Protein backbone atom coordinates (compact mmCIF):
# COMPACT_ATOMS: atom_id res chain seq x y z
CA MET A 1 0.00 0.00 0.00
CA SER A 2 2.72 2.47 0.88
CA ASN A 3 4.45 1.80 -2.47
CA ALA A 4 1.22 2.63 -4.32
CA VAL A 5 0.79 5.87 -2.38
CA SER A 6 4.42 6.79 -2.97
CA MET A 7 4.08 6.17 -6.72
CA PHE A 8 0.91 8.25 -6.83
CA LEU A 9 2.52 11.15 -4.98
CA ARG A 10 5.57 11.07 -7.26
CA GLN A 11 3.27 11.33 -10.26
CA VAL A 12 1.52 14.30 -8.64
CA VAL A 13 4.87 16.06 -8.33
CA LEU A 14 6.00 15.13 -11.86
CA GLN A 15 2.74 16.18 -13.50
CA ARG A 16 2.12 19.10 -11.13
CA GLY A 17 -1.37 17.86 -10.36
CA ILE A 18 -3.57 14.80 -10.15
CA PRO A 19 -2.18 12.27 -12.66
CA TYR A 20 -5.55 11.43 -14.18
CA GLU A 21 -8.53 13.32 -15.53
CA MET A 22 -11.33 13.88 -13.06
CA LYS A 23 -14.79 14.56 -14.40
CA LEU A 24 -18.33 13.39 -13.95
CA PRO A 25 -19.76 10.88 -16.41
CA LYS A 26 -21.96 12.33 -19.12
CA THR A 27 -25.52 11.45 -18.23
CA GLU A 28 -28.78 13.08 -19.07
CA LEU A 29 -30.75 14.60 -16.25
CA LEU A 30 -34.00 12.89 -15.45
CA ASN A 31 -37.06 15.12 -15.85
CA TYR A 32 -39.39 13.82 -13.17
CA GLY A 33 -42.28 15.87 -14.53
CA SER A 34 -42.33 13.78 -17.71
CA LEU A 35 -42.42 10.39 -15.96
CA THR A 36 -45.47 8.21 -15.61
CA ARG A 37 -46.43 7.15 -12.10
CA GLU A 38 -44.91 3.70 -12.76
CA GLN A 39 -41.63 5.20 -14.02
CA PHE A 40 -41.48 7.55 -11.02
CA ASP A 41 -42.07 4.66 -8.60
CA ALA A 42 -39.33 2.62 -10.32
CA GLU A 43 -36.84 5.51 -9.97
CA MET A 44 -37.73 5.90 -6.29
CA GLU A 45 -37.20 2.16 -5.74
CA LYS A 46 -33.76 2.40 -7.37
CA GLY A 47 -32.85 5.24 -5.03
CA MET A 48 -34.03 3.40 -1.95
CA ALA A 49 -32.09 0.30 -3.03
CA ASP A 50 -28.94 2.47 -3.21
CA VAL A 51 -29.61 3.78 0.31
CA LYS A 52 -30.21 0.28 1.70
CA ALA A 53 -27.04 -1.03 0.02
CA GLY A 54 -25.01 1.81 1.55
CA ARG A 55 -24.09 3.37 -1.81
CA VAL A 56 -25.62 6.72 -0.76
CA MET A 57 -26.67 8.21 2.55
CA MET A 58 -29.87 10.04 3.35
CA CYS A 59 -29.50 13.66 4.47
CA CYS A 60 -30.75 12.81 7.96
CA HIS A 61 -27.41 11.02 8.52
CA PHE A 62 -25.72 14.42 8.21
CA CYS A 63 -28.32 16.72 9.75
CA GLY A 64 -29.25 14.60 12.75
């Protein structure tokens, strides 16, 4: 692990920045107003599955 971190940090120095491109994937925004009730429910189920799997956290975890 320490070798990997050392290699990464050397690349940061050599390239004067993060040694890889950082950007968000290109995805289209979902317009909830254009969804049917069934499509909306399916999107909500996907979101809740992410929360239950620990991939995202609900805001109440941060706000208390």
